[in-house]
PDB file of all heavy atoms in Angstrom:
ATOM      1  N   GLU A   1      -8.680   6.119   7.493  1.00  0.00           N
ATOM      2  CA  GLU A   1      -9.044   5.125   6.483  1.00  0.00           C
ATOM      3  C   GLU A   1      -7.849   4.318   6.002  1.00  0.00           C
ATOM      4  O   GLU A   1      -7.984   3.148   5.635  1.00  0.00           O
ATOM      5  CB  GLU A   1      -9.720   5.814   5.291  1.00  0.00           C
ATOM      6  CG  GLU A   1     -11.111   6.361   5.598  1.00  0.00           C
ATOM      7  CD  GLU A   1     -11.779   6.926   4.359  1.00  0.00           C
ATOM      8  OE1 GLU A   1     -11.206   6.777   3.255  1.00  0.00           O
ATOM      9  OE2 GLU A   1     -12.872   7.507   4.495  1.00  0.00           O
ATOM     10  N   ASP A   2      -6.685   4.954   5.966  1.00  0.00           N
ATOM     11  CA  ASP A   2      -5.487   4.259   5.458  1.00  0.00           C
ATOM     12  C   ASP A   2      -4.647   3.651   6.570  1.00  0.00           C
ATOM     13  O   ASP A   2      -3.474   3.323   6.375  1.00  0.00           O
ATOM     14  CB  ASP A   2      -4.630   5.229   4.639  1.00  0.00           C
ATOM     15  CG  ASP A   2      -4.161   6.442   5.452  1.00  0.00           C
ATOM     16  OD1 ASP A   2      -4.699   6.659   6.564  1.00  0.00           O
ATOM     17  OD2 ASP A   2      -3.255   7.152   4.971  1.00  0.00           O
ATOM     18  N   ALA A   3      -5.224   3.478   7.759  1.00  0.00           N
ATOM     19  CA  ALA A   3      -4.478   2.910   8.886  1.00  0.00           C
ATOM     20  C   ALA A   3      -4.101   1.455   8.606  1.00  0.00           C
ATOM     21  O   ALA A   3      -4.865   0.724   7.972  1.00  0.00           O
ATOM     22  CB  ALA A   3      -5.314   2.992  10.156  1.00  0.00           C
ATOM     23  N   PRO A   4      -2.921   1.023   9.053  1.00  0.00           N
ATOM     24  CA  PRO A   4      -2.536  -0.386   8.908  1.00  0.00           C
ATOM     25  C   PRO A   4      -3.570  -1.297   9.564  1.00  0.00           C
ATOM     26  O   PRO A   4      -3.974  -1.070  10.704  1.00  0.00           O
ATOM     27  CB  PRO A   4      -1.193  -0.450   9.643  1.00  0.00           C
ATOM     28  CG  PRO A   4      -0.665   0.940   9.613  1.00  0.00           C
ATOM     29  CD  PRO A   4      -1.870   1.829   9.687  1.00  0.00           C
ATOM     30  N   HIS A   5      -4.004  -2.313   8.829  1.00  0.00           N
ATOM     31  CA  HIS A   5      -5.062  -3.201   9.325  1.00  0.00           C
ATOM     32  C   HIS A   5      -4.727  -4.640   8.937  1.00  0.00           C
ATOM     33  O   HIS A   5      -5.302  -5.203   8.007  1.00  0.00           O
ATOM     34  CB  HIS A   5      -6.411  -2.775   8.755  1.00  0.00           C
ATOM     35  CG  HIS A   5      -7.576  -3.497   9.369  1.00  0.00           C
ATOM     36  ND1 HIS A   5      -8.877  -3.277   8.997  1.00  0.00           N
ATOM     37  CD2 HIS A   5      -7.621  -4.451  10.326  1.00  0.00           C
ATOM     38  CE1 HIS A   5      -9.676  -4.057   9.694  1.00  0.00           C
ATOM     39  NE2 HIS A   5      -8.935  -4.773  10.502  1.00  0.00           N
ATOM     40  N   PRO A   6      -3.782  -5.280   9.643  1.00  0.00           N
ATOM     41  CA  PRO A   6      -3.385  -6.645   9.304  1.00  0.00           C
ATOM     42  C   PRO A   6      -4.376  -7.682   9.832  1.00  0.00           C
ATOM     43  O   PRO A   6      -5.175  -7.398  10.735  1.00  0.00           O
ATOM     44  CB  PRO A   6      -2.034  -6.795  10.000  1.00  0.00           C
ATOM     45  CG  PRO A   6      -2.176  -5.934  11.211  1.00  0.00           C
ATOM     46  CD  PRO A   6      -3.005  -4.750  10.771  1.00  0.00           C
ATOM     47  N   ASP A   7      -4.310  -8.863   9.282  1.00  0.00           N
ATOM     48  CA  ASP A   7      -5.110  -9.982   9.765  1.00  0.00           C
ATOM     49  C   ASP A   7      -4.338 -10.681  10.881  1.00  0.00           C
ATOM     50  O   ASP A   7      -3.319 -11.326  10.628  1.00  0.00           O
ATOM     51  CB  ASP A   7      -5.383 -10.954   8.611  1.00  0.00           C
ATOM     52  CG  ASP A   7      -6.188 -12.176   9.051  1.00  0.00           C
ATOM     53  OD1 ASP A   7      -6.655 -12.200  10.211  1.00  0.00           O
ATOM     54  OD2 ASP A   7      -6.333 -13.098   8.241  1.00  0.00           O
ATOM     55  N   LEU A   8      -4.807 -10.538  12.109  1.00  0.00           N
ATOM     56  CA  LEU A   8      -4.137 -11.135  13.268  1.00  0.00           C
ATOM     57  C   LEU A   8      -4.858 -12.382  13.765  1.00  0.00           C
ATOM     58  O   LEU A   8      -4.623 -12.834  14.886  1.00  0.00           O
ATOM     59  CB  LEU A   8      -4.047 -10.111  14.407  1.00  0.00           C
ATOM     60  CG  LEU A   8      -3.289  -8.806  14.111  1.00  0.00           C
ATOM     61  CD1 LEU A   8      -3.297  -7.908  15.337  1.00  0.00           C
ATOM     62  CD2 LEU A   8      -1.855  -9.096  13.669  1.00  0.00           C
ATOM     63  N   SER A   9      -5.709 -12.964  12.917  1.00  0.00           N
ATOM     64  CA  SER A   9      -6.526 -14.096  13.359  1.00  0.00           C
ATOM     65  C   SER A   9      -5.690 -15.313  13.757  1.00  0.00           C
ATOM     66  O   SER A   9      -6.126 -16.119  14.578  1.00  0.00           O
ATOM     67  CB  SER A   9      -7.524 -14.482  12.265  1.00  0.00           C
ATOM     68  OG  SER A   9      -6.848 -14.841  11.065  1.00  0.00           O
ATOM     69  N   GLN A  10      -4.505 -15.445  13.176  1.00  0.00           N
ATOM     70  CA  GLN A  10      -3.635 -16.580  13.526  1.00  0.00           C
ATOM     71  C   GLN A  10      -2.707 -16.257  14.699  1.00  0.00           C
ATOM     72  O   GLN A  10      -1.936 -17.112  15.131  1.00  0.00           O
ATOM     73  CB  GLN A  10      -2.794 -16.984  12.311  1.00  0.00           C
ATOM     74  CG  GLN A  10      -3.609 -17.424  11.109  1.00  0.00           C
ATOM     75  CD  GLN A  10      -4.549 -18.571  11.433  1.00  0.00           C
ATOM     76  OE1 GLN A  10      -4.133 -19.595  11.994  1.00  0.00           O
ATOM     77  NE2 GLN A  10      -5.821 -18.403  11.096  1.00  0.00           N
ATOM     78  N   ILE A  11      -2.805 -15.032  15.215  1.00  0.00           N
ATOM     79  CA  ILE A  11      -1.924 -14.615  16.309  1.00  0.00           C
ATOM     80  C   ILE A  11      -2.713 -14.355  17.589  1.00  0.00           C
ATOM     81  O   ILE A  11      -2.437 -14.940  18.631  1.00  0.00           O
ATOM     82  CB  ILE A  11      -1.142 -13.343  15.903  1.00  0.00           C
ATOM     83  CG1 ILE A  11      -0.212 -13.646  14.729  1.00  0.00           C
ATOM     84  CG2 ILE A  11      -0.362 -12.789  17.090  1.00  0.00           C
ATOM     85  CD1 ILE A  11       0.516 -12.436  14.192  1.00  0.00           C
ATOM     86  N   LYS A  12      -3.735 -13.490  17.506  1.00  0.00           N
ATOM     87  CA  LYS A  12      -4.507 -13.124  18.699  1.00  0.00           C
ATOM     88  C   LYS A  12      -5.246 -14.344  19.257  1.00  0.00           C
ATOM     89  O   LYS A  12      -5.995 -15.023  18.553  1.00  0.00           O
ATOM     90  CB  LYS A  12      -5.491 -12.015  18.379  1.00  0.00           C
ATOM     91  CG  LYS A  12      -6.227 -11.463  19.608  1.00  0.00           C
ATOM     92  CD  LYS A  12      -7.114 -10.298  19.232  1.00  0.00           C
ATOM     93  CE  LYS A  12      -7.873  -9.767  20.453  1.00  0.00           C
ATOM     94  NZ  LYS A  12      -8.797 -10.758  21.022  1.00  0.00           N
ATOM     95  N   GLY A  13      -5.004 -14.629  20.517  1.00  0.00           N
ATOM     96  CA  GLY A  13      -5.606 -15.789  21.157  1.00  0.00           C
ATOM     97  C   GLY A  13      -4.799 -17.059  20.979  1.00  0.00           C
ATOM     98  O   GLY A  13      -5.059 -18.064  21.653  1.00  0.00           O
ATOM     99  N   HIS A  14      -3.798 -17.005  20.087  1.00  0.00           N
ATOM    100  CA  HIS A  14      -2.952 -18.177  19.828  1.00  0.00           C
ATOM    101  C   HIS A  14      -1.520 -17.981  20.346  1.00  0.00           C
ATOM    102  O   HIS A  14      -0.869 -18.951  20.728  1.00  0.00           O
ATOM    103  CB  HIS A  14      -2.905 -18.477  18.329  1.00  0.00           C
ATOM    104  CG  HIS A  14      -4.240 -18.747  17.719  1.00  0.00           C
ATOM    105  ND1 HIS A  14      -4.886 -19.963  17.816  1.00  0.00           N
ATOM    106  CD2 HIS A  14      -5.066 -17.939  16.991  1.00  0.00           C
ATOM    107  CE1 HIS A  14      -6.050 -19.908  17.182  1.00  0.00           C
ATOM    108  NE2 HIS A  14      -6.177 -18.682  16.668  1.00  0.00           N
ATOM    109  N   LYS A  15      -1.047 -16.740  20.309  1.00  0.00           N
ATOM    110  CA  LYS A  15       0.300 -16.405  20.758  1.00  0.00           C
ATOM    111  C   LYS A  15       0.229 -15.299  21.804  1.00  0.00           C
ATOM    112  O   LYS A  15      -0.657 -14.439  21.740  1.00  0.00           O
ATOM    113  CB  LYS A  15       1.152 -15.892  19.584  1.00  0.00           C
ATOM    114  CG  LYS A  15       1.300 -16.864  18.421  1.00  0.00           C
ATOM    115  CD  LYS A  15       2.370 -17.884  18.685  1.00  0.00           C
ATOM    116  CE  LYS A  15       2.572 -18.772  17.455  1.00  0.00           C
ATOM    117  NZ  LYS A  15       3.595 -19.809  17.696  1.00  0.00           N
ATOM    118  N   PRO A  16       1.144 -15.277  22.768  1.00  0.00           N
ATOM    119  CA  PRO A  16       1.223 -14.126  23.664  1.00  0.00           C
ATOM    120  C   PRO A  16       1.526 -12.853  22.866  1.00  0.00           C
ATOM    121  O   PRO A  16       2.413 -12.846  22.008  1.00  0.00           O
ATOM    122  CB  PRO A  16       2.383 -14.476  24.603  1.00  0.00           C
ATOM    123  CG  PRO A  16       2.472 -15.970  24.554  1.00  0.00           C
ATOM    124  CD  PRO A  16       2.103 -16.341  23.146  1.00  0.00           C
ATOM    125  N   ILE A  17       0.776 -11.796  23.120  1.00  0.00           N
ATOM    126  CA  ILE A  17       0.929 -10.527  22.405  1.00  0.00           C
ATOM    127  C   ILE A  17       1.212  -9.414  23.401  1.00  0.00           C
ATOM    128  O   ILE A  17       0.564  -9.328  24.447  1.00  0.00           O
ATOM    129  CB  ILE A  17      -0.349 -10.167  21.616  1.00  0.00           C
ATOM    130  CG1 ILE A  17      -0.588 -11.138  20.467  1.00  0.00           C
ATOM    131  CG2 ILE A  17      -0.273  -8.742  21.069  1.00  0.00           C
ATOM    132  CD1 ILE A  17      -1.889 -10.876  19.716  1.00  0.00           C
ATOM    133  N   LEU A  18       2.179  -8.544  23.049  1.00  0.00           N
ATOM    134  CA  LEU A  18       2.350  -7.269  23.729  1.00  0.00           C
ATOM    135  C   LEU A  18       2.141  -6.188  22.678  1.00  0.00           C
ATOM    136  O   LEU A  18       2.939  -6.055  21.743  1.00  0.00           O
ATOM    137  CB  LEU A  18       3.734  -7.134  24.362  1.00  0.00           C
ATOM    138  CG  LEU A  18       3.991  -5.775  25.036  1.00  0.00           C
ATOM    139  CD1 LEU A  18       3.060  -5.579  26.239  1.00  0.00           C
ATOM    140  CD2 LEU A  18       5.449  -5.643  25.481  1.00  0.00           C
ATOM    141  N   ALA A  19       1.038  -5.442  22.811  1.00  0.00           N
ATOM    142  CA  ALA A  19       0.708  -4.392  21.847  1.00  0.00           C
ATOM    143  C   ALA A  19       1.122  -3.044  22.417  1.00  0.00           C
ATOM    144  O   ALA A  19       0.696  -2.662  23.501  1.00  0.00           O
ATOM    145  CB  ALA A  19      -0.789  -4.412  21.554  1.00  0.00           C
ATOM    146  N   VAL A  20       1.963  -2.316  21.677  1.00  0.00           N
ATOM    147  CA  VAL A  20       2.533  -1.059  22.149  1.00  0.00           C
ATOM    148  C   VAL A  20       1.898   0.114  21.404  1.00  0.00           C
ATOM    149  O   VAL A  20       1.880   0.137  20.171  1.00  0.00           O
ATOM    150  CB  VAL A  20       4.064  -1.042  21.939  1.00  0.00           C
ATOM    151  CG1 VAL A  20       4.654   0.301  22.333  1.00  0.00           C
ATOM    152  CG2 VAL A  20       4.720  -2.181  22.706  1.00  0.00           C
ATOM    153  N   CYS A  21       1.354   1.077  22.139  1.00  0.00           N
ATOM    154  CA  CYS A  21       0.838   2.333  21.597  1.00  0.00           C
ATOM    155  C   CYS A  21      -0.188   2.089  20.482  1.00  0.00           C
ATOM    156  O   CYS A  21      -1.312   1.708  20.766  1.00  0.00           O
ATOM    157  CB  CYS A  21       1.999   3.214  21.127  1.00  0.00           C
ATOM    158  SG  CYS A  21       1.531   4.950  20.891  1.00  0.00           S
ATOM    159  N   TYR A  22       0.176   2.265  19.203  1.00  0.00           N
ATOM    160  CA  TYR A  22      -0.766   2.009  18.121  1.00  0.00           C
ATOM    161  C   TYR A  22      -1.315   0.596  18.213  1.00  0.00           C
ATOM    162  O   TYR A  22      -2.513   0.361  17.986  1.00  0.00           O
ATOM    163  CB  TYR A  22      -0.096   2.215  16.760  1.00  0.00           C
ATOM    164  CG  TYR A  22      -1.008   1.888  15.592  1.00  0.00           C
ATOM    165  CD1 TYR A  22      -1.814   2.872  15.020  1.00  0.00           C
ATOM    166  CD2 TYR A  22      -1.059   0.595  15.064  1.00  0.00           C
ATOM    167  CE1 TYR A  22      -2.663   2.571  13.959  1.00  0.00           C
ATOM    168  CE2 TYR A  22      -1.903   0.285  14.014  1.00  0.00           C
ATOM    169  CZ  TYR A  22      -2.697   1.272  13.459  1.00  0.00           C
ATOM    170  OH  TYR A  22      -3.541   0.964  12.419  1.00  0.00           O
ATOM    171  N   GLY A  23      -0.430  -0.364  18.540  1.00  0.00           N
ATOM    172  CA  GLY A  23      -0.872  -1.742  18.656  1.00  0.00           C
ATOM    173  C   GLY A  23      -1.969  -1.898  19.692  1.00  0.00           C
ATOM    174  O   GLY A  23      -2.955  -2.623  19.487  1.00  0.00           O
ATOM    175  N   ALA A  24      -1.821  -1.193  20.821  1.00  0.00           N
ATOM    176  CA  ALA A  24      -2.830  -1.246  21.883  1.00  0.00           C
ATOM    177  C   ALA A  24      -4.145  -0.638  21.400  1.00  0.00           C
ATOM    178  O   ALA A  24      -5.239  -1.166  21.671  1.00  0.00           O
ATOM    179  CB  ALA A  24      -2.327  -0.513  23.120  1.00  0.00           C
ATOM    180  N   GLN A  25      -4.067   0.480  20.691  1.00  0.00           N
ATOM    181  CA  GLN A  25      -5.262   1.126  20.177  1.00  0.00           C
ATOM    182  C   GLN A  25      -5.902   0.302  19.069  1.00  0.00           C
ATOM    183  O   GLN A  25      -7.135   0.237  18.955  1.00  0.00           O
ATOM    184  CB  GLN A  25      -4.903   2.531  19.685  1.00  0.00           C
ATOM    185  CG  GLN A  25      -4.436   3.451  20.811  1.00  0.00           C
ATOM    186  CD  GLN A  25      -3.957   4.802  20.322  1.00  0.00           C
ATOM    187  OE1 GLN A  25      -3.939   5.068  19.131  1.00  0.00           O
ATOM    188  NE2 GLN A  25      -3.556   5.660  21.251  1.00  0.00           N
ATOM    189  N   TYR A  26      -5.085  -0.361  18.270  1.00  0.00           N
ATOM    190  CA  TYR A  26      -5.599  -1.217  17.198  1.00  0.00           C
ATOM    191  C   TYR A  26      -6.437  -2.354  17.768  1.00  0.00           C
ATOM    192  O   TYR A  26      -7.552  -2.621  17.301  1.00  0.00           O
ATOM    193  CB  TYR A  26      -4.426  -1.773  16.391  1.00  0.00           C
ATOM    194  CG  TYR A  26      -4.836  -2.726  15.294  1.00  0.00           C
ATOM    195  CD1 TYR A  26      -5.191  -2.243  14.041  1.00  0.00           C
ATOM    196  CD2 TYR A  26      -4.882  -4.097  15.515  1.00  0.00           C
ATOM    197  CE1 TYR A  26      -5.583  -3.107  13.033  1.00  0.00           C
ATOM    198  CE2 TYR A  26      -5.270  -4.967  14.514  1.00  0.00           C
ATOM    199  CZ  TYR A  26      -5.617  -4.468  13.272  1.00  0.00           C
ATOM    200  OH  TYR A  26      -6.023  -5.326  12.282  1.00  0.00           O
ATOM    201  N   LEU A  27      -5.907  -3.028  18.797  1.00  0.00           N
ATOM    202  CA  LEU A  27      -6.643  -4.141  19.397  1.00  0.00           C
ATOM    203  C   LEU A  27      -7.942  -3.664  20.035  1.00  0.00           C
ATOM    204  O   LEU A  27      -8.953  -4.376  20.010  1.00  0.00           O
ATOM    205  CB  LEU A  27      -5.777  -4.849  20.439  1.00  0.00           C
ATOM    206  CG  LEU A  27      -4.571  -5.630  19.903  1.00  0.00           C
ATOM    207  CD1 LEU A  27      -3.824  -6.301  21.054  1.00  0.00           C
ATOM    208  CD2 LEU A  27      -5.001  -6.665  18.877  1.00  0.00           C
ATOM    209  N   ALA A  28      -7.925  -2.471  20.612  1.00  0.00           N
ATOM    210  CA  ALA A  28      -9.149  -1.940  21.211  1.00  0.00           C
ATOM    211  C   ALA A  28     -10.162  -1.564  20.132  1.00  0.00           C
ATOM    212  O   ALA A  28     -11.334  -1.962  20.182  1.00  0.00           O
ATOM    213  CB  ALA A  28      -8.816  -0.729  22.085  1.00  0.00           C
ATOM    214  N   HIS A  29      -9.724  -0.821  19.134  1.00  0.00           N
ATOM    215  CA  HIS A  29     -10.610  -0.278  18.105  1.00  0.00           C
ATOM    216  C   HIS A  29     -11.333  -1.368  17.327  1.00  0.00           C
ATOM    217  O   HIS A  29     -12.523  -1.220  16.985  1.00  0.00           O
ATOM    218  CB  HIS A  29      -9.790   0.599  17.156  1.00  0.00           C
ATOM    219  CG  HIS A  29     -10.585   1.280  16.088  1.00  0.00           C
ATOM    220  ND1 HIS A  29     -11.472   2.299  16.356  1.00  0.00           N
ATOM    221  CD2 HIS A  29     -10.638   1.091  14.736  1.00  0.00           C
ATOM    222  CE1 HIS A  29     -12.030   2.717  15.225  1.00  0.00           C
ATOM    223  NE2 HIS A  29     -11.535   1.993  14.230  1.00  0.00           N
ATOM    224  N   PHE A  30     -10.637  -2.462  17.020  1.00  0.00           N
ATOM    225  CA  PHE A  30     -11.218  -3.506  16.179  1.00  0.00           C
ATOM    226  C   PHE A  30     -11.741  -4.703  16.972  1.00  0.00           C
ATOM    227  O   PHE A  30     -12.049  -5.741  16.382  1.00  0.00           O
ATOM    228  CB  PHE A  30     -10.194  -3.965  15.139  1.00  0.00           C
ATOM    229  CG  PHE A  30      -9.898  -2.937  14.092  1.00  0.00           C
ATOM    230  CD1 PHE A  30      -8.722  -2.203  14.123  1.00  0.00           C
ATOM    231  CD2 PHE A  30     -10.803  -2.672  13.075  1.00  0.00           C
ATOM    232  CE1 PHE A  30      -8.447  -1.238  13.165  1.00  0.00           C
ATOM    233  CE2 PHE A  30     -10.548  -1.711  12.114  1.00  0.00           C
ATOM    234  CZ  PHE A  30      -9.363  -1.000  12.158  1.00  0.00           C
ATOM    235  N   ASN A  31     -11.848  -4.570  18.286  1.00  0.00           N
ATOM    236  CA  ASN A  31     -12.339  -5.681  19.107  1.00  0.00           C
ATOM    237  C   ASN A  31     -13.336  -5.206  20.160  1.00  0.00           C
ATOM    238  O   ASN A  31     -13.320  -5.668  21.300  1.00  0.00           O
ATOM    239  CB  ASN A  31     -11.162  -6.414  19.766  1.00  0.00           C
ATOM    240  CG  ASN A  31     -10.321  -7.178  18.767  1.00  0.00           C
ATOM    241  OD1 ASN A  31     -10.658  -8.291  18.360  1.00  0.00           O
ATOM    242  ND2 ASN A  31      -9.208  -6.570  18.356  1.00  0.00           N
ATOM    243  N   GLY A  32     -14.202  -4.270  19.758  1.00  0.00           N
ATOM    244  CA  GLY A  32     -15.296  -3.877  20.627  1.00  0.00           C
ATOM    245  C   GLY A  32     -15.036  -2.690  21.529  1.00  0.00           C
ATOM    246  O   GLY A  32     -15.937  -2.262  22.252  1.00  0.00           O
ATOM    247  N   GLY A  33     -13.827  -2.138  21.519  1.00  0.00           N
ATOM    248  CA  GLY A  33     -13.529  -0.949  22.308  1.00  0.00           C
ATOM    249  C   GLY A  33     -13.669   0.296  21.463  1.00  0.00           C
ATOM    250  O   GLY A  33     -14.183   0.254  20.341  1.00  0.00           O
ATOM    251  N   SER A  34     -13.217   1.425  21.993  1.00  0.00           N
ATOM    252  CA  SER A  34     -13.287   2.666  21.222  1.00  0.00           C
ATOM    253  C   SER A  34     -12.029   3.500  21.448  1.00  0.00           C
ATOM    254  O   SER A  34     -11.478   3.545  22.553  1.00  0.00           O
ATOM    255  CB  SER A  34     -14.522   3.481  21.612  1.00  0.00           C
ATOM    256  OG  SER A  34     -14.451   3.885  22.964  1.00  0.00           O
ATOM    257  N   VAL A  35     -11.595   4.137  20.383  1.00  0.00           N
ATOM    258  CA  VAL A  35     -10.428   5.023  20.410  1.00  0.00           C
ATOM    259  C   VAL A  35     -10.881   6.396  19.942  1.00  0.00           C
ATOM    260  O   VAL A  35     -11.523   6.524  18.892  1.00  0.00           O
ATOM    261  CB  VAL A  35      -9.296   4.480  19.516  1.00  0.00           C
ATOM    262  CG1 VAL A  35      -8.137   5.462  19.464  1.00  0.00           C
ATOM    263  CG2 VAL A  35      -8.830   3.116  20.008  1.00  0.00           C
ATOM    264  N   GLU A  36     -10.548   7.423  20.712  1.00  0.00           N
ATOM    265  CA  GLU A  36     -10.993   8.773  20.402  1.00  0.00           C
ATOM    266  C   GLU A  36      -9.822   9.747  20.488  1.00  0.00           C
ATOM    267  O   GLU A  36      -8.811   9.448  21.145  1.00  0.00           O
ATOM    268  CB  GLU A  36     -12.092   9.203  21.388  1.00  0.00           C
ATOM    269  CG  GLU A  36     -13.332   8.330  21.352  1.00  0.00           C
ATOM    270  CD  GLU A  36     -14.342   8.728  22.410  1.00  0.00           C
ATOM    271  OE1 GLU A  36     -14.050   9.669  23.190  1.00  0.00           O
ATOM    272  OE2 GLU A  36     -15.415   8.090  22.471  1.00  0.00           O
ATOM    273  N   PRO A  37      -9.956  10.900  19.850  1.00  0.00           N
ATOM    274  CA  PRO A  37      -8.895  11.913  19.991  1.00  0.00           C
ATOM    275  C   PRO A  37      -8.747  12.331  21.454  1.00  0.00           C
ATOM    276  O   PRO A  37      -9.730  12.438  22.179  1.00  0.00           O
ATOM    277  CB  PRO A  37      -9.412  13.086  19.141  1.00  0.00           C
ATOM    278  CG  PRO A  37     -10.389  12.475  18.206  1.00  0.00           C
ATOM    279  CD  PRO A  37     -11.017  11.336  18.928  1.00  0.00           C
ATOM    280  N   SER A  38      -7.517  12.541  21.885  1.00  0.00           N
ATOM    281  CA  SER A  38      -7.261  12.928  23.268  1.00  0.00           C
ATOM    282  C   SER A  38      -7.675  14.375  23.500  1.00  0.00           C
ATOM    283  O   SER A  38      -7.497  15.234  22.629  1.00  0.00           O
ATOM    284  CB  SER A  38      -5.775  12.787  23.608  1.00  0.00           C
ATOM    285  OG  SER A  38      -5.338  11.469  23.384  1.00  0.00           O
ATOM    286  N   ASN A  39      -8.242  14.641  24.673  1.00  0.00           N
ATOM    287  CA  ASN A  39      -8.571  16.011  25.049  1.00  0.00           C
ATOM    288  C   ASN A  39      -7.323  16.818  25.370  1.00  0.00           C
ATOM    289  O   ASN A  39      -7.274  18.025  25.215  1.00  0.00           O
ATOM    290  CB  ASN A  39      -9.518  16.016  26.249  1.00  0.00           C
ATOM    291  CG  ASN A  39     -10.882  15.448  25.899  1.00  0.00           C
ATOM    292  OD1 ASN A  39     -11.367  15.661  24.797  1.00  0.00           O
ATOM    293  ND2 ASN A  39     -11.478  14.712  26.817  1.00  0.00           N
ATOM    294  N   ILE A  40      -6.297  16.103  25.874  1.00  0.00           N
ATOM    295  CA  ILE A  40      -5.012  16.737  26.156  1.00  0.00           C
ATOM    296  C   ILE A  40      -3.920  15.971  25.409  1.00  0.00           C
ATOM    297  O   ILE A  40      -4.055  14.778  25.159  1.00  0.00           O
ATOM    298  CB  ILE A  40      -4.680  16.715  27.667  1.00  0.00           C
ATOM    299  CG1 ILE A  40      -5.291  15.550  28.355  1.00  0.00           C
ATOM    300  CG2 ILE A  40      -4.867  17.979  28.342  1.00  0.00           C
ATOM    301  CD1 ILE A  40      -4.925  15.503  29.809  1.00  0.00           C
ATOM    302  N   ARG A  41      -2.862  16.669  25.049  1.00  0.00           N
ATOM    303  CA  ARG A  41      -1.762  16.021  24.323  1.00  0.00           C
ATOM    304  C   ARG A  41      -1.078  15.017  25.236  1.00  0.00           C
ATOM    305  O   ARG A  41      -0.692  15.349  26.351  1.00  0.00           O
ATOM    306  CB  ARG A  41      -0.757  17.068  23.844  1.00  0.00           C
ATOM    307  CG  ARG A  41      -1.301  17.958  22.751  1.00  0.00           C
ATOM    308  CD  ARG A  41      -0.366  19.120  22.468  1.00  0.00           C
ATOM    309  NE  ARG A  41       0.946  18.650  22.011  1.00  0.00           N
ATOM    310  CZ  ARG A  41       1.237  18.347  20.753  1.00  0.00           C
ATOM    311  NH1 ARG A  41       0.300  18.424  19.827  1.00  0.00           N
ATOM    312  NH2 ARG A  41       2.433  17.966  20.398  1.00  0.00           N
TER     313      ARG A  41
END
């Protein structure tokens, strides 16, 4: 619930983005994908 949740509306689709780790999961989670706990570490 307290995860960082910035407004990227002026960036996504407007600027080239490289999302690393959390960034990659953030873009998936809030844009129609799904993020789940890993079965293995």
